[in-house]
Protein backbone atom coordinates (compact mmCIF):
# COMPACT_ATOMS: atom_id res chain seq x y z
CA ASN A 1 -10.31 2.04 4.37
CA LEU A 2 -8.53 4.96 6.03
CA ILE A 3 -5.52 2.89 7.03
CA PHE A 4 -5.29 1.41 3.54
CA ALA A 5 -5.47 4.91 2.02
CA MET A 6 -2.72 6.11 4.36
CA PHE A 7 -0.57 3.08 3.48
CA THR A 8 -1.09 3.72 -0.23
CA ALA A 9 -0.35 7.44 0.11
CA LEU A 10 2.87 6.74 2.02
CA LEU A 11 4.05 4.24 -0.60
CA VAL A 12 3.28 6.62 -3.45
CA LEU A 13 5.04 9.49 -1.67
CA MET A 14 8.13 7.38 -1.03
CA TRP A 15 8.12 6.09 -4.61
CA VAL A 16 7.78 9.57 -6.16
CA ALA A 17 10.49 11.02 -3.89
CA THR A 18 12.85 8.18 -4.74
CA VAL A 19 12.24 8.45 -8.48
CA CYS A 20 12.79 12.23 -8.35
CA ASP A 21 15.97 11.76 -6.31
CA TRP A 22 17.25 9.13 -8.75
CA ALA A 23 16.21 10.89 -11.97
CA PHE A 24 17.40 14.39 -11.08
CA ASN A 25 20.33 13.43 -8.81
CA LEU A 26 18.99 15.60 -5.98
CA GLY A 27 21.13 14.00 -3.28
CA TRP A 28 18.27 13.34 -0.85
CA GLY A 29 19.63 9.90 -0.04
CA TRP A 30 16.47 7.87 -0.70
CA ASP A 31 17.07 4.14 -0.93
CA ARG A 32 16.60 3.15 -4.57
CA GLN A 33 15.20 -0.27 -3.68
CA ILE A 34 11.80 1.33 -2.96
CA ILE A 35 11.42 1.90 -6.72
CA TRP A 36 11.20 -1.86 -7.18
CA LEU A 37 9.69 -2.79 -3.81
CA ALA A 38 6.77 -0.34 -3.65
CA PRO A 39 4.64 -1.97 -6.41
CA PRO A 40 4.76 -5.48 -4.84
CA MET A 41 4.10 -3.97 -1.41
CA LEU A 42 1.03 -2.19 -2.77
CA LEU A 43 -0.19 -5.35 -4.50
CA PHE A 44 0.21 -7.31 -1.26
CA GLY A 45 -1.71 -4.59 0.60
CA VAL A 46 -4.54 -4.79 -1.94
CA PHE A 47 -4.57 -8.59 -1.61
CA VAL A 48 -4.74 -8.43 2.19
CA ARG A 49 -7.52 -5.81 2.07
CA PHE A 50 -9.49 -7.92 -0.41
CA CYS A 51 -9.15 -11.03 1.77
CA CYS A 52 -10.14 -9.14 4.91
CA MET A 53 -13.18 -7.60 3.22
CA ALA A 54 -14.24 -11.03 1.91
CA ILE A 55 -13.92 -12.58 5.38
CA PHE A 56 -15.78 -9.71 7.05
CA ASN A 57 -18.58 -9.85 4.48
CA PHE A 58 -18.87 -13.63 4.84
CA PHE A 59 -19.20 -13.52 8.61
CA GLY A 60 -21.32 -10.37 8.56
CA GLY A 61 -23.75 -11.94 6.10
CA ASN A 62 -24.00 -15.19 8.08
CA SER A 63 -24.71 -13.66 11.47
CA ASN A 64 -28.24 -13.93 12.74
CA GLY A 65 -28.12 -10.61 14.55
CA SER A 66 -27.99 -11.97 18.10
């Protein structure tokens, strides 16, 4: 959960900085592709987290404790 939160926070920070740089012409030099790439990256991260949690719950629920 912590790593996913850090990944999400980094993507949001990069997205906000890029949008501010693009909208206000601040000259920070952020690559504008992150505006379009961050949402699919976040969706893929959510998908991977969901799959991992489903696998962990399946194997955790099927273990007999030994």
